[in-house]
Each structure stands twice: as structure tokens, then as C-alpha cells.
Amino acid sequence: MAVPKRKMSRSNTRHRRSNWKAEAVATTACPQCQAQTQPHRACPSCGTYGGRHYDAAERTAHQD
């Protein structure tokens, strides 16, 4: 396993990490209710995905 021989300076570390940026979550419009949802997920407002209705998506709290 490769091990660094010398300590990397703060400047070099920060320069290397300058491209570590967070990206905004992609959203699409739900075809049923037009609410903004994440792609490939059931709509949290109406609970549909791919023309099917899922009741589990409408629950907001974890139920035991």
C-alpha cells in the first residue's frame, strides 16, 4: 500500500480539495400532481411512481 513520504502542505491539500463541491439534488415534475420529486422515487405528495400508487410514500413518520 502506498504511503506518503512527506506531509502535504495546507495549500496543496486545499488546492486538491477545491473541486469537492456539493451538487443540488435533481428534481423532476410528477406526471400526476406536478409536484417536484426526485427521479426514480415515488412522489412524496401523491405517492405514485410509474403509473402505480404506493401507500408507503404517503407516510411521514416511521411506524412500528
Protein backbone atom coordinates (compact mmCIF):
# COMPACT_ATOMS: atom_id res chain seq x y z
CA MET A 1 0.00 0.00 0.00
CA ALA A 2 1.35 3.44 -0.92
CA VAL A 3 2.25 5.73 1.97
CA PRO A 4 3.19 9.41 1.53
CA LYS A 5 6.85 10.18 2.21
CA ARG A 6 6.24 13.82 3.14
CA LYS A 7 3.47 15.79 4.78
CA MET A 8 1.24 17.54 2.25
CA SER A 9 1.07 21.28 2.90
CA ARG A 10 -2.18 23.03 3.72
CA SER A 11 -2.02 24.92 0.44
CA ASN A 12 -1.64 21.75 -1.62
CA THR A 13 -4.37 19.96 0.33
CA ARG A 14 -6.83 22.80 -0.13
CA HIS A 15 -5.90 23.18 -3.78
CA ARG A 16 -6.56 19.47 -4.35
CA ARG A 17 -9.88 19.62 -2.49
CA SER A 18 -11.10 22.76 -4.28
CA ASN A 19 -13.15 20.65 -6.70
CA TRP A 20 -15.05 18.77 -3.96
CA LYS A 21 -18.34 20.61 -4.40
CA ALA A 22 -21.81 19.52 -3.40
CA GLU A 23 -24.35 19.39 -6.22
CA ALA A 24 -28.02 20.29 -5.95
CA VAL A 25 -30.41 17.34 -5.92
CA ALA A 26 -32.03 16.82 -9.33
CA THR A 27 -35.81 17.15 -9.35
CA THR A 28 -38.48 16.42 -11.92
CA ALA A 29 -42.18 17.20 -12.07
CA CYS A 30 -44.56 14.42 -11.05
CA PRO A 31 -46.79 13.48 -14.00
CA GLN A 32 -49.83 13.10 -11.70
CA CYS A 33 -49.71 16.14 -9.39
CA GLN A 34 -46.87 18.22 -10.93
CA ALA A 35 -45.03 18.40 -7.57
CA GLN A 36 -41.24 18.42 -7.63
CA THR A 37 -39.84 14.95 -6.86
CA GLN A 38 -36.54 13.13 -7.16
CA PRO A 39 -36.25 10.97 -10.27
CA HIS A 40 -36.86 7.22 -9.84
CA ARG A 41 -38.64 7.75 -6.50
CA ALA A 42 -42.31 7.65 -5.52
CA CYS A 43 -43.83 11.12 -5.29
CA PRO A 44 -43.99 12.16 -1.62
CA SER A 45 -47.16 14.22 -2.13
CA CYS A 46 -49.37 11.82 -4.12
CA GLY A 47 -47.48 8.52 -3.74
CA THR A 48 -47.39 7.50 -7.40
CA TYR A 49 -44.49 6.16 -9.42
CA GLY A 50 -44.63 4.68 -12.90
CA GLY A 51 -48.43 4.88 -13.04
CA ARG A 52 -48.84 2.92 -9.79
CA HIS A 53 -49.97 4.19 -6.39
CA TYR A 54 -47.83 3.40 -3.35
CA ASP A 55 -49.35 3.98 0.10
CA ALA A 56 -45.97 3.75 1.84
CA ALA A 57 -44.85 7.00 0.22
CA GLU A 58 -47.63 8.95 1.93
CA ARG A 59 -46.48 8.02 5.44
CA THR A 60 -44.36 10.72 7.04
CA ALA A 61 -43.39 9.07 10.35
CA HIS A 62 -41.81 5.69 10.95
CA GLN A 63 -44.46 3.26 12.16
CA ASP A 64 -43.66 0.13 14.13
